[in-house]
C-alpha cells in the first residue's frame, strides 16, 4: 500500500518561496508511478498543478503555474518535490501530492490512486 507523507506547508509573504516534499513511506514501487501535485483553494475544486513521469525526465504543468513552480523527484529516496517561487496570494491553498499507478490523463485527479494528507500554504500580500 502506497503511503504518501507531505511536508513543507507554511505561511509566507508574497514573492517568497517554499518547497514541498512528498515521501512514499511504504517504499514500494515508487519509481513506477507518475507523481502529481494538486491544490485546492477554499471554495474551489481540486486543481492540477504539476506532474512528473516515473523517470523524472518529463514534467507537466498547469498553464496557471508555469514559470513559478518546478516539480522533480528522487527515486532513490522515494521523494517528489514541488519548488514554488514568486508566490502570490492566489497560490493560497491546500497542496496534495498524489501517485498514479495506472493509466489515464495526468491532469485529472480521478486517475490518481493514492494521496497525501495535504499541506496548507498561505501567501499573504
PDB file of N, CA and C in Angstrom:
ATOM      1  N   UNK A   1       0.840  -1.187   0.000  1.00  0.00           N
ATOM      2  CA  UNK A   1       0.000   0.000   0.000  1.00  0.00           C
ATOM      3  C   UNK A   1       0.878   1.241   0.000  1.00  0.00           C
ATOM      4  N   UNK A   2       0.668   2.104  -0.996  1.00  0.00           N
ATOM      5  CA  UNK A   2       1.420   3.351  -1.066  1.00  0.00           C
ATOM      6  C   UNK A   2       0.954   4.271   0.054  1.00  0.00           C
ATOM      7  N   UNK A   3       1.894   4.881   0.721  1.00  0.00           N
ATOM      8  CA  UNK A   3       1.550   5.839   1.778  1.00  0.00           C
ATOM      9  C   UNK A   3       2.393   7.086   1.579  1.00  0.00           C
ATOM     10  N   UNK A   4       1.697   8.165   1.217  1.00  0.00           N
ATOM     11  CA  UNK A   4       2.370   9.414   0.892  1.00  0.00           C
ATOM     12  C   UNK A   4       2.300  10.364   2.071  1.00  0.00           C
ATOM     13  N   UNK A   5       3.449  10.905   2.426  1.00  0.00           N
ATOM     14  CA  UNK A   5       3.538  11.823   3.562  1.00  0.00           C
ATOM     15  C   UNK A   5       4.158  13.120   3.065  1.00  0.00           C
ATOM     16  N   UNK A   6       3.457  14.212   3.290  1.00  0.00           N
ATOM     17  CA  UNK A   6       3.902  15.506   2.788  1.00  0.00           C
ATOM     18  C   UNK A   6       4.492  16.371   3.892  1.00  0.00           C
ATOM     19  N   UNK A   7       5.330  17.302   3.486  1.00  0.00           N
ATOM     20  CA  UNK A   7       5.826  18.333   4.383  1.00  0.00           C
ATOM     21  C   UNK A   7       6.083  19.584   3.554  1.00  0.00           C
ATOM     22  N   UNK A   8       6.156  20.728   4.231  1.00  0.00           N
ATOM     23  CA  UNK A   8       6.508  21.954   3.543  1.00  0.00           C
ATOM     24  C   UNK A   8       5.459  23.036   3.569  1.00  0.00           C
ATOM     25  N   UNK A   9       4.271  22.751   4.058  1.00  0.00           N
ATOM     26  CA  UNK A   9       3.264  23.793   4.110  1.00  0.00           C
ATOM     27  C   UNK A   9       3.585  24.836   5.158  1.00  0.00           C
ATOM     28  N   UNK A  10       3.344  26.099   4.836  1.00  0.00           N
ATOM     29  CA  UNK A  10       3.602  27.167   5.788  1.00  0.00           C
ATOM     30  C   UNK A  10       2.985  28.460   5.277  1.00  0.00           C
ATOM     31  N   UNK A  11       3.152  29.505   6.065  1.00  0.00           N
ATOM     32  CA  UNK A  11       2.682  30.833   5.681  1.00  0.00           C
ATOM     33  C   UNK A  11       3.872  31.660   5.212  1.00  0.00           C
ATOM     34  N   UNK A  12       3.734  32.304   4.063  1.00  0.00           N
ATOM     35  CA  UNK A  12       4.823  33.101   3.515  1.00  0.00           C
ATOM     36  C   UNK A  12       4.282  34.419   2.984  1.00  0.00           C
ATOM     37  N   UNK A  13       5.176  35.361   2.796  1.00  0.00           N
ATOM     38  CA  UNK A  13       4.828  36.638   2.187  1.00  0.00           C
ATOM     39  C   UNK A  13       4.825  36.492   0.655  1.00  0.00           C
ATOM     40  N   UNK A  14       4.030  37.306   0.025  1.00  0.00           N
ATOM     41  CA  UNK A  14       4.018  37.324  -1.446  1.00  0.00           C
ATOM     42  C   UNK A  14       5.431  37.581  -1.961  1.00  0.00           C
ATOM     43  N   UNK A  15       5.786  36.854  -3.010  1.00  0.00           N
ATOM     44  CA  UNK A  15       7.130  36.955  -3.553  1.00  0.00           C
ATOM     45  C   UNK A  15       8.102  35.963  -2.966  1.00  0.00           C
ATOM     46  N   UNK A  16       7.690  35.306  -1.896  1.00  0.00           N
ATOM     47  CA  UNK A  16       8.561  34.340  -1.244  1.00  0.00           C
ATOM     48  C   UNK A  16       8.581  32.995  -1.949  1.00  0.00           C
ATOM     49  N   UNK A  17       9.342  32.077  -1.368  1.00  0.00           N
ATOM     50  CA  UNK A  17       9.495  30.740  -1.941  1.00  0.00           C
ATOM     51  C   UNK A  17       9.335  29.695  -0.856  1.00  0.00           C
ATOM     52  N   UNK A  18       8.964  28.501  -1.281  1.00  0.00           N
ATOM     53  CA  UNK A  18       8.992  27.365  -0.370  1.00  0.00           C
ATOM     54  C   UNK A  18       9.032  26.085  -1.195  1.00  0.00           C
ATOM     55  N   UNK A  19       9.397  25.015  -0.524  1.00  0.00           N
ATOM     56  CA  UNK A  19       9.496  23.723  -1.196  1.00  0.00           C
ATOM     57  C   UNK A  19       8.659  22.692  -0.457  1.00  0.00           C
ATOM     58  N   UNK A  20       7.802  22.039  -1.215  1.00  0.00           N
ATOM     59  CA  UNK A  20       7.063  20.912  -0.674  1.00  0.00           C
ATOM     60  C   UNK A  20       7.849  19.634  -0.935  1.00  0.00           C
ATOM     61  N   UNK A  21       7.737  18.712   0.020  1.00  0.00           N
ATOM     62  CA  UNK A  21       8.318  17.390  -0.165  1.00  0.00           C
ATOM     63  C   UNK A  21       7.253  16.346   0.104  1.00  0.00           C
ATOM     64  N   UNK A  22       7.256  15.307  -0.711  1.00  0.00           N
ATOM     65  CA  UNK A  22       6.311  14.210  -0.524  1.00  0.00           C
ATOM     66  C   UNK A  22       7.108  12.918  -0.552  1.00  0.00           C
ATOM     67  N   UNK A  23       6.961  12.125   0.488  1.00  0.00           N
ATOM     68  CA  UNK A  23       7.689  10.869   0.600  1.00  0.00           C
ATOM     69  C   UNK A  23       6.735   9.686   0.494  1.00  0.00           C
ATOM     70  N   UNK A  24       7.185   8.661  -0.202  1.00  0.00           N
ATOM     71  CA  UNK A  24       6.442   7.406  -0.212  1.00  0.00           C
ATOM     72  C   UNK A  24       6.956   6.562   0.945  1.00  0.00           C
ATOM     73  N   UNK A  25       6.240   6.634   2.049  1.00  0.00           N
ATOM     74  CA  UNK A  25       6.691   5.957   3.262  1.00  0.00           C
ATOM     75  C   UNK A  25       6.657   4.436   3.122  1.00  0.00           C
ATOM     76  N   UNK A  26       5.887   3.941   2.167  1.00  0.00           N
ATOM     77  CA  UNK A  26       5.823   2.491   2.004  1.00  0.00           C
ATOM     78  C   UNK A  26       7.067   1.958   1.323  1.00  0.00           C
ATOM     79  N   UNK A  27       7.760   2.827   0.558  1.00  0.00           N
ATOM     80  CA  UNK A  27       8.991   2.461  -0.153  1.00  0.00           C
ATOM     81  C   UNK A  27       8.788   1.231  -1.022  1.00  0.00           C
ATOM     82  N   UNK A  28       7.668   1.243  -1.700  1.00  0.00           N
ATOM     83  CA  UNK A  28       7.405   0.123  -2.616  1.00  0.00           C
ATOM     84  C   UNK A  28       7.909   0.492  -4.003  1.00  0.00           C
ATOM     85  N   UNK A  29       7.023   0.487  -4.994  1.00  0.00           N
ATOM     86  CA  UNK A  29       7.466   0.693  -6.369  1.00  0.00           C
ATOM     87  C   UNK A  29       7.364   2.159  -6.768  1.00  0.00           C
ATOM     88  N   UNK A  30       7.884   3.038  -5.941  1.00  0.00           N
ATOM     89  CA  UNK A  30       7.763   4.480  -6.165  1.00  0.00           C
ATOM     90  C   UNK A  30       8.200   4.881  -7.566  1.00  0.00           C
ATOM     91  N   UNK A  31       9.293   4.296  -8.042  1.00  0.00           N
ATOM     92  CA  UNK A  31       9.847   4.703  -9.331  1.00  0.00           C
ATOM     93  C   UNK A  31       8.942   4.323 -10.499  1.00  0.00           C
ATOM     94  N   UNK A  32       7.901   3.550 -10.255  1.00  0.00           N
ATOM     95  CA  UNK A  32       6.982   3.165 -11.326  1.00  0.00           C
ATOM     96  C   UNK A  32       5.817   4.138 -11.474  1.00  0.00           C
ATOM     97  N   UNK A  33       5.657   5.046 -10.524  1.00  0.00           N
ATOM     98  CA  UNK A  33       4.461   5.881 -10.501  1.00  0.00           C
ATOM     99  C   UNK A  33       4.697   7.228 -11.175  1.00  0.00           C
ATOM    100  N   UNK A  34       3.673   7.717 -11.824  1.00  0.00           N
ATOM    101  CA  UNK A  34       3.606   9.142 -12.142  1.00  0.00           C
ATOM    102  C   UNK A  34       3.222   9.847 -10.843  1.00  0.00           C
ATOM    103  N   UNK A  35       3.937  10.898 -10.515  1.00  0.00           N
ATOM    104  CA  UNK A  35       3.634  11.647  -9.291  1.00  0.00           C
ATOM    105  C   UNK A  35       3.102  13.018  -9.677  1.00  0.00           C
ATOM    106  N   UNK A  36       2.077  13.440  -8.976  1.00  0.00           N
ATOM    107  CA  UNK A  36       1.475  14.723  -9.286  1.00  0.00           C
ATOM    108  C   UNK A  36       1.265  15.571  -8.042  1.00  0.00           C
ATOM    109  N   UNK A  37       1.085  16.855  -8.269  1.00  0.00           N
ATOM    110  CA  UNK A  37       0.698  17.797  -7.217  1.00  0.00           C
ATOM    111  C   UNK A  37      -0.599  18.468  -7.642  1.00  0.00           C
ATOM    112  N   UNK A  38      -1.496  18.573  -6.688  1.00  0.00           N
ATOM    113  CA  UNK A  38      -2.761  19.255  -6.888  1.00  0.00           C
ATOM    114  C   UNK A  38      -2.933  20.268  -5.770  1.00  0.00           C
ATOM    115  N   UNK A  39      -3.846  21.189  -5.958  1.00  0.00           N
ATOM    116  CA  UNK A  39      -4.138  22.139  -4.887  1.00  0.00           C
ATOM    117  C   UNK A  39      -5.621  22.455  -4.876  1.00  0.00           C
ATOM    118  N   UNK A  40      -6.079  22.785  -3.685  1.00  0.00           N
ATOM    119  CA  UNK A  40      -7.480  23.127  -3.511  1.00  0.00           C
ATOM    120  C   UNK A  40      -7.582  24.374  -2.663  1.00  0.00           C
ATOM    121  N   UNK A  41      -8.052  25.437  -3.268  1.00  0.00           N
ATOM    122  CA  UNK A  41      -8.292  26.686  -2.560  1.00  0.00           C
ATOM    123  C   UNK A  41      -9.701  26.654  -1.972  1.00  0.00           C
ATOM    124  N   UNK A  42      -9.964  27.444  -0.956  1.00  0.00           N
ATOM    125  CA  UNK A  42     -11.300  27.464  -0.352  1.00  0.00           C
ATOM    126  C   UNK A  42     -12.381  27.736  -1.386  1.00  0.00           C
ATOM    127  N   UNK A  43     -13.374  26.881  -1.420  1.00  0.00           N
ATOM    128  CA  UNK A  43     -14.486  27.053  -2.340  1.00  0.00           C
ATOM    129  C   UNK A  43     -14.223  26.582  -3.748  1.00  0.00           C
ATOM    130  N   UNK A  44     -13.016  26.095  -3.995  1.00  0.00           N
ATOM    131  CA  UNK A  44     -12.667  25.635  -5.345  1.00  0.00           C
ATOM    132  C   UNK A  44     -12.538  24.128  -5.404  1.00  0.00           C
ATOM    133  N   UNK A  45     -12.490  23.625  -6.609  1.00  0.00           N
ATOM    134  CA  UNK A  45     -12.232  22.209  -6.805  1.00  0.00           C
ATOM    135  C   UNK A  45     -10.733  21.951  -6.650  1.00  0.00           C
ATOM    136  N   UNK A  46     -10.405  20.648  -6.641  1.00  0.00           N
ATOM    137  CA  UNK A  46      -9.010  20.246  -6.559  1.00  0.00           C
ATOM    138  C   UNK A  46      -8.402  20.366  -7.954  1.00  0.00           C
ATOM    139  N   UNK A  47      -7.448  21.271  -8.104  1.00  0.00           N
ATOM    140  CA  UNK A  47      -6.899  21.588  -9.413  1.00  0.00           C
ATOM    141  C   UNK A  47      -5.512  20.987  -9.616  1.00  0.00           C
ATOM    142  N   UNK A  48      -5.263  20.541 -10.822  1.00  0.00           N
ATOM    143  CA  UNK A  48      -3.946  20.028 -11.196  1.00  0.00           C
ATOM    144  C   UNK A  48      -2.913  21.153 -11.154  1.00  0.00           C
ATOM    145  N   UNK A  49      -1.738  20.835 -10.624  1.00  0.00           N
ATOM    146  CA  UNK A  49      -0.640  21.796 -10.575  1.00  0.00           C
ATOM    147  C   UNK A  49       0.517  21.330 -11.455  1.00  0.00           C
ATOM    148  N   UNK A  50       1.012  20.120 -11.184  1.00  0.00           N
ATOM    149  CA  UNK A  50       2.179  19.625 -11.915  1.00  0.00           C
ATOM    150  C   UNK A  50       2.253  18.110 -11.782  1.00  0.00           C
ATOM    151  N   UNK A  51       2.951  17.489 -12.712  1.00  0.00           N
ATOM    152  CA  UNK A  51       3.179  16.048 -12.652  1.00  0.00           C
ATOM    153  C   UNK A  51       4.558  15.740 -13.223  1.00  0.00           C
ATOM    154  N   UNK A  52       5.101  14.618 -12.789  1.00  0.00           N
ATOM    155  CA  UNK A  52       6.414  14.185 -13.269  1.00  0.00           C
ATOM    156  C   UNK A  52       6.337  12.702 -13.580  1.00  0.00           C
ATOM    157  N   UNK A  53       6.878  12.323 -14.746  1.00  0.00           N
ATOM    158  CA  UNK A  53       6.883  10.925 -15.147  1.00  0.00           C
ATOM    159  C   UNK A  53       7.792  10.107 -14.238  1.00  0.00           C
ATOM    160  N   UNK A  54       7.676   8.790 -14.336  1.00  0.00           N
ATOM    161  CA  UNK A  54       8.412   7.910 -13.434  1.00  0.00           C
ATOM    162  C   UNK A  54       9.913   8.142 -13.508  1.00  0.00           C
ATOM    163  N   UNK A  55      10.412   8.483 -14.685  1.00  0.00           N
ATOM    164  CA  UNK A  55      11.853   8.652 -14.855  1.00  0.00           C
ATOM    165  C   UNK A  55      12.346  10.004 -14.369  1.00  0.00           C
ATOM    166  N   UNK A  56      11.440  10.944 -14.218  1.00  0.00           N
ATOM    167  CA  UNK A  56      11.826  12.304 -13.851  1.00  0.00           C
ATOM    168  C   UNK A  56      12.169  13.178 -15.043  1.00  0.00           C
ATOM    169  N   UNK A  57      12.234  12.580 -16.229  1.00  0.00           N
ATOM    170  CA  UNK A  57      12.653  13.325 -17.411  1.00  0.00           C
ATOM    171  C   UNK A  57      11.541  14.176 -18.011  1.00  0.00           C
ATOM    172  N   UNK A  58      10.309  13.780 -17.797  1.00  0.00           N
ATOM    173  CA  UNK A  58       9.169  14.502 -18.367  1.00  0.00           C
ATOM    174  C   UNK A  58       8.378  15.157 -17.248  1.00  0.00           C
ATOM    175  N   UNK A  59       8.117  16.422 -17.405  1.00  0.00           N
ATOM    176  CA  UNK A  59       7.317  17.157 -16.430  1.00  0.00           C
ATOM    177  C   UNK A  59       6.193  17.890 -17.143  1.00  0.00           C
ATOM    178  N   UNK A  60       5.113  18.113 -16.393  1.00  0.00           N
ATOM    179  CA  UNK A  60       3.922  18.741 -16.938  1.00  0.00           C
ATOM    180  C   UNK A  60       3.419  19.751 -15.917  1.00  0.00           C
ATOM    181  N   UNK A  61       2.946  20.894 -16.425  1.00  0.00           N
ATOM    182  CA  UNK A  61       2.492  21.952 -15.543  1.00  0.00           C
ATOM    183  C   UNK A  61       1.159  22.515 -16.034  1.00  0.00           C
ATOM    184  N   UNK A  62       0.344  22.922 -15.070  1.00  0.00           N
ATOM    185  CA  UNK A  62      -0.851  23.667 -15.416  1.00  0.00           C
ATOM    186  C   UNK A  62      -0.432  25.020 -15.974  1.00  0.00           C
ATOM    187  N   UNK A  63      -1.176  25.523 -16.929  1.00  0.00           N
ATOM    188  CA  UNK A  63      -0.832  26.807 -17.548  1.00  0.00           C
ATOM    189  C   UNK A  63      -0.758  27.933 -16.516  1.00  0.00           C
ATOM    190  N   UNK A  64      -1.582  27.816 -15.488  1.00  0.00           N
ATOM    191  CA  UNK A  64      -1.658  28.894 -14.499  1.00  0.00           C
ATOM    192  C   UNK A  64      -0.425  28.989 -13.619  1.00  0.00           C
ATOM    193  N   UNK A  65       0.414  27.957 -13.604  1.00  0.00           N
ATOM    194  CA  UNK A  65       1.571  27.960 -12.706  1.00  0.00           C
ATOM    195  C   UNK A  65       2.896  27.898 -13.433  1.00  0.00           C
ATOM    196  N   UNK A  66       2.881  27.817 -14.747  1.00  0.00           N
ATOM    197  CA  UNK A  66       4.131  27.705 -15.499  1.00  0.00           C
ATOM    198  C   UNK A  66       5.044  28.879 -15.191  1.00  0.00           C
ATOM    199  N   UNK A  67       6.291  28.550 -14.947  1.00  0.00           N
ATOM    200  CA  UNK A  67       7.291  29.568 -14.676  1.00  0.00           C
ATOM    201  C   UNK A  67       7.529  29.811 -13.205  1.00  0.00           C
ATOM    202  N   UNK A  68       6.574  29.462 -12.369  1.00  0.00           N
ATOM    203  CA  UNK A  68       6.724  29.733 -10.948  1.00  0.00           C
ATOM    204  C   UNK A  68       6.979  28.495 -10.103  1.00  0.00           C
ATOM    205  N   UNK A  69       6.704  27.316 -10.676  1.00  0.00           N
ATOM    206  CA  UNK A  69       6.832  26.076  -9.937  1.00  0.00           C
ATOM    207  C   UNK A  69       7.720  25.092 -10.686  1.00  0.00           C
ATOM    208  N   UNK A  70       8.400  24.248  -9.922  1.00  0.00           N
ATOM    209  CA  UNK A  70       9.217  23.199 -10.509  1.00  0.00           C
ATOM    210  C   UNK A  70       8.962  21.902  -9.761  1.00  0.00           C
ATOM    211  N   UNK A  71       8.596  20.862 -10.497  1.00  0.00           N
ATOM    212  CA  UNK A  71       8.414  19.543  -9.905  1.00  0.00           C
ATOM    213  C   UNK A  71       9.626  18.693 -10.247  1.00  0.00           C
ATOM    214  N   UNK A  72      10.047  17.886  -9.295  1.00  0.00           N
ATOM    215  CA  UNK A  72      11.167  16.978  -9.521  1.00  0.00           C
ATOM    216  C   UNK A  72      11.011  15.783  -8.597  1.00  0.00           C
ATOM    217  N   UNK A  73      11.830  14.761  -8.832  1.00  0.00           N
ATOM    218  CA  UNK A  73      11.734  13.574  -7.995  1.00  0.00           C
ATOM    219  C   UNK A  73      13.108  12.942  -7.826  1.00  0.00           C
ATOM    220  N   UNK A  74      13.232  12.195  -6.728  1.00  0.00           N
ATOM    221  CA  UNK A  74      14.439  11.430  -6.443  1.00  0.00           C
ATOM    222  C   UNK A  74      13.982  10.001  -6.161  1.00  0.00           C
ATOM    223  N   UNK A  75      14.097   9.132  -7.146  1.00  0.00           N
ATOM    224  CA  UNK A  75      13.583   7.768  -6.992  1.00  0.00           C
ATOM    225  C   UNK A  75      14.396   6.942  -6.000  1.00  0.00           C
ATOM    226  N   UNK A  76      15.655   7.296  -5.809  1.00  0.00           N
ATOM    227  CA  UNK A  76      16.454   6.533  -4.847  1.00  0.00           C
ATOM    228  C   UNK A  76      15.985   6.780  -3.427  1.00  0.00           C
ATOM    229  N   UNK A  77      15.429   7.973  -3.191  1.00  0.00           N
ATOM    230  CA  UNK A  77      14.976   8.332  -1.845  1.00  0.00           C
ATOM    231  C   UNK A  77      13.455   8.324  -1.729  1.00  0.00           C
ATOM    232  N   UNK A  78      12.767   7.939  -2.822  1.00  0.00           N
ATOM    233  CA  UNK A  78      11.301   7.883  -2.818  1.00  0.00           C
ATOM    234  C   UNK A  78      10.686   9.232  -2.465  1.00  0.00           C
ATOM    235  N   UNK A  79      11.206  10.293  -3.070  1.00  0.00           N
ATOM    236  CA  UNK A  79      10.748  11.634  -2.786  1.00  0.00           C
ATOM    237  C   UNK A  79      10.335  12.353  -4.066  1.00  0.00           C
ATOM    238  N   UNK A  80       9.333  13.192  -3.948  1.00  0.00           N
ATOM    239  CA  UNK A  80       8.959  14.102  -5.019  1.00  0.00           C
ATOM    240  C   UNK A  80       8.876  15.502  -4.413  1.00  0.00           C
ATOM    241  N   UNK A  81       9.303  16.503  -5.164  1.00  0.00           N
ATOM    242  CA  UNK A  81       9.407  17.872  -4.679  1.00  0.00           C
ATOM    243  C   UNK A  81       8.552  18.812  -5.529  1.00  0.00           C
ATOM    244  N   UNK A  82       8.099  19.871  -4.892  1.00  0.00           N
ATOM    245  CA  UNK A  82       7.460  20.960  -5.609  1.00  0.00           C
ATOM    246  C   UNK A  82       8.073  22.252  -5.097  1.00  0.00           C
ATOM    247  N   UNK A  83       8.923  22.850  -5.919  1.00  0.00           N
ATOM    248  CA  UNK A  83       9.549  24.121  -5.575  1.00  0.00           C
ATOM    249  C   UNK A  83       8.651  25.243  -6.072  1.00  0.00           C
ATOM    250  N   UNK A  84       8.296  26.134  -5.167  1.00  0.00           N
ATOM    251  CA  UNK A  84       7.390  27.220  -5.509  1.00  0.00           C
ATOM    252  C   UNK A  84       8.102  28.541  -5.301  1.00  0.00           C
ATOM    253  N   UNK A  85       8.202  29.342  -6.337  1.00  0.00           N
ATOM    254  CA  UNK A  85       8.865  30.636  -6.279  1.00  0.00           C
ATOM    255  C   UNK A  85       7.894  31.750  -6.647  1.00  0.00           C
ATOM    256  N   UNK A  86       8.254  32.953  -6.248  1.00  0.00           N
ATOM    257  CA  UNK A  86       7.448  34.144  -6.573  1.00  0.00           C
ATOM    258  C   UNK A  86       5.985  33.916  -6.221  1.00  0.00           C
ATOM    259  N   UNK A  87       5.751  33.471  -5.006  1.00  0.00           N
ATOM    260  CA  UNK A  87       4.397  33.125  -4.595  1.00  0.00           C
ATOM    261  C   UNK A  87       3.480  34.342  -4.567  1.00  0.00           C
ATOM    262  N   UNK A  88       2.217  34.084  -4.880  1.00  0.00           N
ATOM    263  CA  UNK A  88       1.197  35.121  -4.915  1.00  0.00           C
ATOM    264  C   UNK A  88       0.071  34.725  -3.970  1.00  0.00           C
ATOM    265  N   UNK A  89      -0.719  35.681  -3.504  1.00  0.00           N
ATOM    266  CA  UNK A  89      -1.847  35.323  -2.629  1.00  0.00           C
ATOM    267  C   UNK A  89      -2.775  34.289  -3.253  1.00  0.00           C
ATOM    268  N   UNK A  90      -2.918  34.301  -4.564  1.00  0.00           N
ATOM    269  CA  UNK A  90      -3.799  33.329  -5.220  1.00  0.00           C
ATOM    270  C   UNK A  90      -3.226  31.918  -5.215  1.00  0.00           C
ATOM    271  N   UNK A  91      -1.995  31.750  -4.767  1.00  0.00           N
ATOM    272  CA  UNK A  91      -1.420  30.414  -4.597  1.00  0.00           C
ATOM    273  C   UNK A  91      -1.828  29.790  -3.260  1.00  0.00           C
ATOM    274  N   UNK A  92      -2.527  30.547  -2.432  1.00  0.00           N
ATOM    275  CA  UNK A  92      -3.004  30.023  -1.152  1.00  0.00           C
ATOM    276  C   UNK A  92      -3.961  28.865  -1.390  1.00  0.00           C
ATOM    277  N   UNK A  93      -3.637  27.722  -0.794  1.00  0.00           N
ATOM    278  CA  UNK A  93      -4.432  26.513  -0.995  1.00  0.00           C
ATOM    279  C   UNK A  93      -3.860  25.399  -0.134  1.00  0.00           C
ATOM    280  N   UNK A  94      -4.599  24.309  -0.069  1.00  0.00           N
ATOM    281  CA  UNK A  94      -4.046  23.062   0.462  1.00  0.00           C
ATOM    282  C   UNK A  94      -3.433  22.314  -0.716  1.00  0.00           C
ATOM    283  N   UNK A  95      -2.201  21.911  -0.569  1.00  0.00           N
ATOM    284  CA  UNK A  95      -1.480  21.222  -1.633  1.00  0.00           C
ATOM    285  C   UNK A  95      -1.399  19.734  -1.314  1.00  0.00           C
ATOM    286  N   UNK A  96      -1.681  18.930  -2.330  1.00  0.00           N
ATOM    287  CA  UNK A  96      -1.672  17.478  -2.185  1.00  0.00           C
ATOM    288  C   UNK A  96      -0.718  16.853  -3.198  1.00  0.00           C
ATOM    289  N   UNK A  97       0.052  15.869  -2.748  1.00  0.00           N
ATOM    290  CA  UNK A  97       0.764  15.043  -3.709  1.00  0.00           C
ATOM    291  C   UNK A  97      -0.042  13.771  -3.932  1.00  0.00           C
ATOM    292  N   UNK A  98       0.149  13.182  -5.097  1.00  0.00           N
ATOM    293  CA  UNK A  98      -0.625  12.009  -5.455  1.00  0.00           C
ATOM    294  C   UNK A  98       0.196  11.104  -6.354  1.00  0.00           C
ATOM    295  N   UNK A  99      -0.091   9.815  -6.273  1.00  0.00           N
ATOM    296  CA  UNK A  99       0.595   8.810  -7.085  1.00  0.00           C
ATOM    297  C   UNK A  99      -0.389   8.159  -8.043  1.00  0.00           C
ATOM    298  N   UNK A 100       0.038   8.058  -9.283  1.00  0.00           N
ATOM    299  CA  UNK A 100      -0.804   7.427 -10.306  1.00  0.00           C
ATOM    300  C   UNK A 100      -0.147   6.134 -10.747  1.00  0.00           C
ATOM    301  N   UNK A 101      -0.798   5.031 -10.435  1.00  0.00           N
ATOM    302  CA  UNK A 101      -0.203   3.732 -10.721  1.00  0.00           C
ATOM    303  C   UNK A 101      -0.792   3.074 -11.956  1.00  0.00           C
ATOM    304  N   UNK A 102      -1.827   3.671 -12.527  1.00  0.00           N
ATOM    305  CA  UNK A 102      -2.452   3.099 -13.712  1.00  0.00           C
ATOM    306  C   UNK A 102      -2.551   4.168 -14.782  1.00  0.00           C
ATOM    307  N   UNK A 103      -3.272   3.898 -15.846  1.00  0.00           N
ATOM    308  CA  UNK A 103      -3.366   4.824 -16.949  1.00  0.00           C
ATOM    309  C   UNK A 103      -4.298   5.977 -16.673  1.00  0.00           C
ATOM    310  N   UNK A 104      -4.518   6.788 -17.704  1.00  0.00           N
ATOM    311  CA  UNK A 104      -5.387   7.935 -17.582  1.00  0.00           C
ATOM    312  C   UNK A 104      -4.614   9.232 -17.658  1.00  0.00           C
ATOM    313  N   UNK A 105      -5.320  10.280 -17.984  1.00  0.00           N
ATOM    314  CA  UNK A 105      -4.693  11.587 -18.168  1.00  0.00           C
ATOM    315  C   UNK A 105      -4.172  12.122 -16.841  1.00  0.00           C
ATOM    316  N   UNK A 106      -2.942  12.578 -16.819  1.00  0.00           N
ATOM    317  CA  UNK A 106      -2.284  13.001 -15.570  1.00  0.00           C
ATOM    318  C   UNK A 106      -2.909  14.248 -14.981  1.00  0.00           C
ATOM    319  N   UNK A 107      -3.692  15.011 -15.752  1.00  0.00           N
ATOM    320  CA  UNK A 107      -4.244  16.249 -15.217  1.00  0.00           C
ATOM    321  C   UNK A 107      -5.519  16.030 -14.414  1.00  0.00           C
ATOM    322  N   UNK A 108      -6.065  14.836 -14.462  1.00  0.00           N
ATOM    323  CA  UNK A 108      -7.319  14.573 -13.766  1.00  0.00           C
ATOM    324  C   UNK A 108      -7.078  13.877 -12.436  1.00  0.00           C
ATOM    325  N   UNK A 109      -7.596  14.454 -11.377  1.00  0.00           N
ATOM    326  CA  UNK A 109      -7.369  13.904 -10.046  1.00  0.00           C
ATOM    327  C   UNK A 109      -7.928  12.494  -9.910  1.00  0.00           C
ATOM    328  N   UNK A 110      -8.974  12.186 -10.657  1.00  0.00           N
ATOM    329  CA  UNK A 110      -9.591  10.866 -10.558  1.00  0.00           C
ATOM    330  C   UNK A 110      -8.725   9.738 -11.053  1.00  0.00           C
ATOM    331  N   UNK A 111      -7.652  10.057 -11.776  1.00  0.00           N
ATOM    332  CA  UNK A 111      -6.771   8.999 -12.288  1.00  0.00           C
ATOM    333  C   UNK A 111      -5.662   8.643 -11.302  1.00  0.00           C
ATOM    334  N   UNK A 112      -5.586   9.355 -10.193  1.00  0.00           N
ATOM    335  CA  UNK A 112      -4.562   9.097  -9.185  1.00  0.00           C
ATOM    336  C   UNK A 112      -5.121   8.177  -8.104  1.00  0.00           C
ATOM    337  N   UNK A 113      -4.303   7.218  -7.686  1.00  0.00           N
ATOM    338  CA  UNK A 113      -4.771   6.175  -6.785  1.00  0.00           C
ATOM    339  C   UNK A 113      -4.489   6.455  -5.316  1.00  0.00           C
ATOM    340  N   UNK A 114      -3.443   7.206  -5.044  1.00  0.00           N
ATOM    341  CA  UNK A 114      -3.020   7.413  -3.659  1.00  0.00           C
ATOM    342  C   UNK A 114      -2.714   8.884  -3.443  1.00  0.00           C
ATOM    343  N   UNK A 115      -3.088   9.367  -2.251  1.00  0.00           N
ATOM    344  CA  UNK A 115      -2.974  10.782  -1.955  1.00  0.00           C
ATOM    345  C   UNK A 115      -2.290  11.013  -0.619  1.00  0.00           C
ATOM    346  N   UNK A 116      -1.552  12.117  -0.557  1.00  0.00           N
ATOM    347  CA  UNK A 116      -1.002  12.555   0.716  1.00  0.00           C
ATOM    348  C   UNK A 116      -2.067  13.252   1.544  1.00  0.00           C
ATOM    349  N   UNK A 117      -1.680  13.662   2.730  1.00  0.00           N
ATOM    350  CA  UNK A 117      -2.640  14.247   3.673  1.00  0.00           C
ATOM    351  C   UNK A 117      -2.964  15.695   3.375  1.00  0.00           C
ATOM    352  N   UNK A 118      -2.144  16.331   2.550  1.00  0.00           N
ATOM    353  CA  UNK A 118      -2.352  17.731   2.222  1.00  0.00           C
ATOM    354  C   UNK A 118      -1.619  18.649   3.180  1.00  0.00           C
ATOM    355  N   UNK A 119      -1.073  19.734   2.655  1.00  0.00           N
ATOM    356  CA  UNK A 119      -0.407  20.725   3.486  1.00  0.00           C
ATOM    357  C   UNK A 119      -0.893  22.116   3.081  1.00  0.00           C
ATOM    358  N   UNK A 120      -1.108  22.949   4.074  1.00  0.00           N
ATOM    359  CA  UNK A 120      -1.652  24.284   3.844  1.00  0.00           C
ATOM    360  C   UNK A 120      -0.537  25.264   3.497  1.00  0.00           C
ATOM    361  N   UNK A 121      -0.743  25.993   2.429  1.00  0.00           N
ATOM    362  CA  UNK A 121       0.143  27.104   2.066  1.00  0.00           C
ATOM    363  C   UNK A 121      -0.694  28.372   2.080  1.00  0.00           C
ATOM    364  N   UNK A 122      -0.246  29.348   2.834  1.00  0.00           N
ATOM    365  CA  UNK A 122      -0.932  30.630   2.904  1.00  0.00           C
ATOM    366  C   UNK A 122       0.034  31.721   2.490  1.00  0.00           C
ATOM    367  N   UNK A 123      -0.330  32.469   1.463  1.00  0.00           N
ATOM    368  CA  UNK A 123       0.515  33.547   0.956  1.00  0.00           C
ATOM    369  C   UNK A 123      -0.176  34.867   1.250  1.00  0.00           C
ATOM    370  N   UNK A 124       0.476  35.698   2.014  1.00  0.00           N
ATOM    371  CA  UNK A 124      -0.103  36.974   2.398  1.00  0.00           C
ATOM    372  C   UNK A 124       0.515  38.088   1.575  1.00  0.00           C
ATOM    373  N   UNK A 125      -0.293  39.098   1.319  1.00  0.00           N
ATOM    374  CA  UNK A 125       0.175  40.215   0.483  1.00  0.00           C
ATOM    375  C   UNK A 125       0.861  41.270   1.324  1.00  0.00           C
TER     376      UNK A 125
END
